[in-house]
Amino acid sequence: MSKTPPEKSAQPAQPTAKPTAPAAGPAHTTAHAAGLERRLRRSRILNVVLGALAAFLAVVVLAQALPGATGGATANGGPAGSEAPATGAPAANENPENPAIAKRDPDDPFAIGSVDAPIVLVEWADFRCPFCAVFTNDTMPVILDEYVDAGLVRYEFRDVAFFGDESVDAAVAARAAGEQGRFPEYLAALYAAAPESGHPDMPREKLLGFAEAAGVPDLARFEADLDRPELREAVTKSTADAQALGVSSVPFFVVGTQAMAGAQPVDAFREFLDARLAEAGVDAPGADQAR
């Protein structure tokens, strides 16, 4: 599957204003992340920035839901994501890589990289989230170049619709593009057009424009797929599954039994991925990167 370099604005500015919350009232924080209680006692806490208590607790809920989790939390500095309420978490699974999180499905249209990569980076994102756009535009190309292309990391995307019907519409469109093998390109085209703050409108004509920019081969089929009820149901289910795990903010990331929240700086992702690779017994490229 191809990489996802940004197609319009290669280096968008970090959001200077927090996005306006939807009617349901999700909060917006500056930074937070999650981990596991006993496993993370050895990890040093990095630049903890004040955030909403409810958001932090939601991250802990997800940490406790992760396979093999025994609780606890760490945080990495950087802009946080946009939040939505969590609905609880299932019991922990002893499998160190729960297939409910890392699927490693060779036919997954929303994945990039080798199915046999040592670790899987799973991202949850809303297509109307400006912080998700910051990650895709600024950080994801680096991860693809340094980790995914090197066969060290597999990237798997999970859609959520925290910001209303137009978030669902955009996720349906991305799924329709994915069915024609153009999901990474659609992801890049959509987020390249994102504003610096706020939740952008996603009218049908804009979704069609992204499909054209992404090189979706059959635009007539794509437009018809925008009305397929099963795609909308799949987005609704993906959102519910994320909330059941305790995901309450986007972008949100998990590798194995470790979690990270927000559009963190690229060096924070290097450190996060390098640590997970070291745990897997794999030499990481980040140690050689100029910090």
Protein backbone atom coordinates (compact mmCIF):
# COMPACT_ATOMS: atom_id res chain seq x y z
CA MET A 1 0.00 0.00 0.00
CA SER A 2 1.35 3.46 -0.81
CA LYS A 3 2.54 6.10 1.63
CA THR A 4 0.51 9.15 2.57
CA PRO A 5 2.57 12.27 1.94
CA PRO A 6 0.54 15.45 2.33
CA GLU A 7 -0.71 16.70 -1.00
CA LYS A 8 -1.38 20.38 -0.32
CA SER A 9 0.17 21.87 2.81
CA ALA A 10 3.24 19.92 3.83
CA GLN A 11 3.74 21.71 7.15
CA PRO A 12 0.50 23.19 8.51
CA ALA A 13 0.81 25.26 11.65
CA GLN A 14 -0.17 23.72 14.94
CA PRO A 15 -3.69 24.76 15.92
CA THR A 16 -3.52 28.07 17.74
CA ALA A 17 -7.02 27.87 19.07
CA LYS A 18 -8.86 24.95 20.58
CA PRO A 19 -11.60 23.58 18.32
CA THR A 20 -15.15 24.41 19.15
CA ALA A 21 -16.91 21.49 20.80
CA PRO A 22 -20.01 19.97 19.17
CA ALA A 23 -23.43 20.15 20.75
CA ALA A 24 -22.74 17.05 22.81
CA GLY A 25 -20.05 19.06 24.62
CA PRO A 26 -16.69 17.14 24.44
CA ALA A 27 -13.78 18.98 26.12
CA HIS A 28 -10.49 19.91 24.45
CA THR A 29 -7.24 19.53 26.39
CA THR A 30 -3.60 20.43 25.85
CA ALA A 31 -2.03 17.04 26.48
CA HIS A 32 -2.63 13.63 27.98
CA ALA A 33 -1.68 10.02 27.44
CA ALA A 34 -2.21 6.69 29.04
CA GLY A 35 -0.43 3.51 29.98
CA LEU A 36 -0.51 0.73 32.49
CA GLU A 37 -0.14 1.02 36.26
CA ARG A 38 2.57 -1.45 37.22
CA ARG A 39 4.23 -1.81 33.81
CA LEU A 40 4.72 1.92 33.51
CA ARG A 41 6.27 2.45 36.95
CA ARG A 42 9.66 2.15 35.24
CA SER A 43 8.77 4.75 32.59
CA ARG A 44 9.61 8.38 33.26
CA ILE A 45 6.81 10.90 33.04
CA LEU A 46 7.36 13.41 30.23
CA ASN A 47 6.13 17.00 30.37
CA VAL A 48 2.73 16.47 31.93
CA VAL A 49 0.49 19.35 30.88
CA LEU A 50 -2.71 20.24 32.68
CA GLY A 51 -5.81 18.82 31.03
CA ALA A 52 -9.39 18.09 31.90
CA LEU A 53 -9.72 15.50 34.67
CA ALA A 54 -12.48 13.69 32.83
CA ALA A 55 -10.29 13.30 29.75
CA PHE A 56 -7.41 11.91 31.81
CA LEU A 57 -9.64 9.39 33.52
CA ALA A 58 -10.98 8.27 30.15
CA VAL A 59 -7.45 7.54 29.01
CA VAL A 60 -6.86 5.46 32.15
CA VAL A 61 -10.02 3.51 31.34
CA LEU A 62 -8.54 2.58 27.97
CA ALA A 63 -5.21 1.69 29.57
CA GLN A 64 -6.96 -0.72 31.90
CA ALA A 65 -8.76 -2.26 28.91
CA LEU A 66 -5.55 -2.97 27.02
CA PRO A 67 -4.41 -6.60 26.95
CA GLY A 68 -2.25 -7.55 29.88
CA ALA A 69 -2.96 -4.23 31.55
CA THR A 70 -2.48 -3.76 35.25
CA GLY A 71 -3.17 -0.04 35.30
CA GLY A 72 -1.23 3.22 35.56
CA ALA A 73 -0.49 6.19 33.28
CA THR A 74 2.22 8.24 31.64
CA ALA A 75 1.97 11.41 29.58
CA ASN A 76 3.86 12.98 26.71
CA GLY A 77 3.86 16.70 26.02
CA GLY A 78 2.26 18.26 22.95
CA PRO A 79 -1.15 19.34 21.72
CA ALA A 80 -3.89 17.00 22.77
CA GLY A 81 -6.76 15.78 20.67
CA SER A 82 -10.45 16.52 20.51
CA GLU A 83 -12.54 14.63 23.01
CA ALA A 84 -15.77 12.67 23.25
CA PRO A 85 -17.29 10.75 26.17
CA ALA A 86 -16.17 7.22 26.90
CA THR A 87 -18.60 4.46 27.75
CA GLY A 88 -16.53 2.01 29.78
CA ALA A 89 -14.08 -0.76 29.03
CA PRO A 90 -14.03 -4.54 28.72
CA ALA A 91 -11.98 -6.82 30.91
CA ALA A 92 -8.28 -7.11 30.15
CA ASN A 93 -7.10 -9.80 27.76
CA GLU A 94 -3.93 -11.77 28.47
CA ASN A 95 -2.97 -11.73 24.79
CA PRO A 96 -0.19 -9.08 24.51
CA GLU A 97 -1.58 -7.97 21.15
CA ASN A 98 -5.35 -8.08 21.34
CA PRO A 99 -6.84 -8.60 17.84
CA ALA A 100 -9.57 -6.15 18.83
CA ILE A 101 -6.82 -3.51 18.69
CA ALA A 102 -4.09 -4.72 16.33
CA LYS A 103 -5.78 -6.82 13.66
CA ARG A 104 -2.88 -7.62 11.31
CA ASP A 105 -5.40 -8.40 8.59
CA PRO A 106 -3.59 -8.63 5.23
CA ASP A 107 -6.79 -7.46 3.50
CA ASP A 108 -7.30 -4.41 5.74
CA PRO A 109 -7.74 -1.44 3.35
CA PHE A 110 -6.97 1.02 6.19
CA ALA A 111 -3.53 -0.41 7.02
CA ILE A 112 -0.09 0.53 5.72
CA GLY A 113 3.00 -1.63 6.03
CA SER A 114 3.99 -5.25 6.44
CA VAL A 115 1.54 -7.52 8.23
CA ASP A 116 4.60 -9.14 9.84
CA ALA A 117 6.12 -5.93 11.21
CA PRO A 118 7.37 -6.30 14.79
CA ILE A 119 4.83 -3.81 16.15
CA VAL A 120 1.52 -2.26 15.07
CA LEU A 121 0.69 1.41 15.59
CA VAL A 122 -3.10 1.78 15.79
CA GLU A 123 -4.62 5.25 15.43
CA TRP A 124 -8.17 6.34 16.18
CA ALA A 125 -9.16 9.54 14.39
CA ASP A 126 -12.15 11.65 13.37
CA PHE A 127 -11.99 13.16 9.89
CA ARG A 128 -13.20 16.52 11.21
CA CYS A 129 -10.55 16.70 13.96
CA PRO A 130 -7.91 19.40 13.34
CA PHE A 131 -5.38 17.67 15.63
CA CYS A 132 -5.75 14.48 13.60
CA ALA A 133 -4.88 16.55 10.53
CA VAL A 134 -1.75 17.88 12.28
CA PHE A 135 -0.57 14.32 12.94
CA THR A 136 -1.29 13.16 9.38
CA ASN A 137 0.29 16.20 7.74
CA ASP A 138 3.33 16.71 9.99
CA THR A 139 4.22 13.44 11.70
CA MET A 140 2.83 10.54 9.72
CA PRO A 141 5.18 11.06 6.72
CA VAL A 142 8.15 10.72 9.09
CA ILE A 143 6.74 7.55 10.65
CA LEU A 144 6.16 6.09 7.19
CA ASP A 145 9.68 6.92 6.04
CA GLU A 146 11.58 5.84 9.14
CA TYR A 147 9.50 2.97 10.50
CA VAL A 148 6.83 1.65 8.12
CA ASP A 149 8.96 1.55 4.97
CA ALA A 150 11.74 -0.07 6.99
CA GLY A 151 9.41 -2.92 7.94
CA LEU A 152 9.53 -2.03 11.64
CA VAL A 153 5.98 -0.75 12.13
CA ARG A 154 2.60 -1.52 10.63
CA TYR A 155 0.08 1.37 10.76
CA GLU A 156 -3.63 0.59 11.22
CA PHE A 157 -6.35 3.24 11.11
CA ARG A 158 -9.64 3.18 13.06
CA ASP A 159 -12.34 5.71 12.23
CA VAL A 160 -14.55 7.33 14.86
CA ALA A 161 -17.32 9.90 14.42
CA PHE A 162 -17.27 12.06 17.53
CA PHE A 163 -18.37 15.30 15.87
CA GLY A 164 -21.72 14.63 14.30
CA ASP A 165 -23.23 13.36 11.09
CA GLU A 166 -20.64 14.97 8.83
CA SER A 167 -17.92 13.03 10.64
CA VAL A 168 -19.87 9.90 9.74
CA ASP A 169 -20.21 11.10 6.13
CA ALA A 170 -16.45 11.67 5.85
CA ALA A 171 -15.66 8.27 7.35
CA VAL A 172 -18.07 6.60 4.92
CA ALA A 173 -16.29 8.38 2.08
CA ALA A 174 -12.89 7.20 3.30
CA ARG A 175 -14.20 3.64 3.51
CA ALA A 176 -15.57 3.94 -0.04
CA ALA A 177 -12.17 5.14 -1.23
CA GLY A 178 -10.54 2.26 0.65
CA GLU A 179 -12.68 -0.25 -1.20
CA GLN A 180 -11.05 1.02 -4.39
CA GLY A 181 -7.56 0.84 -2.88
CA ARG A 182 -7.15 4.57 -2.30
CA PHE A 183 -7.58 4.98 1.44
CA PRO A 184 -4.10 6.44 2.20
CA GLU A 185 -4.47 8.91 -0.65
CA TYR A 186 -7.95 9.91 0.51
CA LEU A 187 -6.71 10.37 4.08
CA ALA A 188 -3.92 12.64 2.83
CA ALA A 189 -6.18 14.68 0.54
CA LEU A 190 -8.82 15.23 3.22
CA TYR A 191 -6.44 16.26 6.00
CA ALA A 192 -4.31 18.42 3.69
CA ALA A 193 -7.38 20.64 3.29
CA ALA A 194 -8.08 20.87 7.04
CA PRO A 195 -8.23 24.29 8.74
CA GLU A 196 -5.86 25.16 11.56
CA SER A 197 -8.69 24.91 14.10
CA GLY A 198 -12.31 23.94 14.33
CA HIS A 199 -14.26 21.11 12.75
CA PRO A 200 -14.53 21.59 8.97
CA ASP A 201 -17.79 21.05 7.11
CA MET A 202 -17.90 17.90 4.99
CA PRO A 203 -20.58 18.42 2.33
CA ARG A 204 -21.00 15.81 -0.38
CA GLU A 205 -19.29 17.90 -3.06
CA LYS A 206 -16.19 18.24 -0.88
CA LEU A 207 -16.05 14.48 -0.29
CA LEU A 208 -16.27 13.95 -4.06
CA GLY A 209 -13.48 16.48 -4.57
CA PHE A 210 -11.23 14.58 -2.17
CA ALA A 211 -11.94 11.38 -4.10
CA GLU A 212 -10.88 13.02 -7.34
CA ALA A 213 -7.72 14.42 -5.72
CA ALA A 214 -6.94 10.99 -4.26
CA GLY A 215 -7.21 9.32 -7.65
CA VAL A 216 -10.18 7.10 -6.82
CA PRO A 217 -10.59 5.26 -10.15
CA ASP A 218 -14.37 4.86 -10.32
CA LEU A 219 -15.95 8.10 -9.13
CA ALA A 220 -19.45 7.01 -10.06
CA ARG A 221 -19.11 3.94 -7.88
CA PHE A 222 -17.60 6.07 -5.13
CA GLU A 223 -20.55 8.47 -5.16
CA ALA A 224 -23.02 5.61 -5.05
CA ASP A 225 -21.13 4.10 -2.12
CA LEU A 226 -21.64 7.30 -0.12
CA ASP A 227 -25.26 6.16 0.31
CA ARG A 228 -24.53 2.54 1.23
CA PRO A 229 -26.10 1.84 4.62
CA GLU A 230 -23.60 -0.89 5.47
CA LEU A 231 -20.72 1.59 5.29
CA ARG A 232 -22.53 3.97 7.62
CA GLU A 233 -23.25 1.07 9.98
CA ALA A 234 -19.57 0.12 9.94
CA VAL A 235 -18.57 3.64 10.98
CA THR A 236 -21.14 3.61 13.78
CA LYS A 237 -19.82 0.27 15.00
CA SER A 238 -16.20 1.42 14.84
CA THR A 239 -17.09 4.47 16.94
CA ALA A 240 -18.95 2.36 19.50
CA ASP A 241 -16.06 -0.12 19.69
CA ALA A 242 -13.61 2.72 20.34
CA GLN A 243 -15.77 4.17 23.10
CA ALA A 244 -16.16 0.72 24.65
CA LEU A 245 -12.36 0.58 24.90
CA GLY A 246 -12.37 3.99 26.58
CA VAL A 247 -11.11 6.07 23.65
CA SER A 248 -12.46 9.55 24.37
CA SER A 249 -10.07 11.80 22.45
CA VAL A 250 -8.54 11.90 19.01
CA PRO A 251 -6.00 11.30 17.70
CA PHE A 252 -5.28 8.37 20.00
CA PHE A 253 -2.61 5.72 19.52
CA VAL A 254 -1.88 2.24 20.87
CA VAL A 255 1.07 -0.09 20.36
CA GLY A 256 0.67 -3.41 22.13
CA THR A 257 -0.10 -2.56 25.76
CA GLN A 258 1.00 1.09 25.63
CA ALA A 259 -1.06 4.14 24.67
CA MET A 260 -0.34 7.72 23.63
CA ALA A 261 -2.72 10.62 23.08
CA GLY A 262 -2.62 13.77 21.00
CA ALA A 263 -0.77 15.25 18.04
CA GLN A 264 2.59 15.00 19.79
CA PRO A 265 5.85 16.26 18.26
CA VAL A 266 7.61 13.81 15.97
CA ASP A 267 10.36 13.15 18.51
CA ALA A 268 7.74 12.02 21.03
CA PHE A 269 6.51 9.46 18.51
CA ARG A 270 10.08 8.34 17.80
CA GLU A 271 10.67 7.78 21.49
CA PHE A 272 7.34 5.99 21.87
CA LEU A 273 7.95 3.67 18.90
CA ASP A 274 11.61 3.06 19.75
CA ALA A 275 10.65 1.96 23.26
CA ARG A 276 8.05 -0.43 21.90
CA LEU A 277 10.53 -1.84 19.39
CA ALA A 278 13.11 -2.30 22.15
CA GLU A 279 10.51 -4.22 24.15
CA ALA A 280 10.05 -6.43 21.08
CA GLY A 281 13.82 -7.00 20.89
CA VAL A 282 14.26 -4.95 17.73
CA ASP A 283 16.86 -2.24 17.11
CA ALA A 284 15.11 1.08 16.52
CA PRO A 285 16.15 3.81 14.08
CA GLY A 286 15.24 6.64 16.45
CA ALA A 287 18.45 6.32 18.43
CA ASP A 288 20.32 7.50 15.35
CA GLN A 289 18.01 10.43 14.67
CA ALA A 290 19.17 13.92 15.55
CA ARG A 291 16.98 15.11 18.35
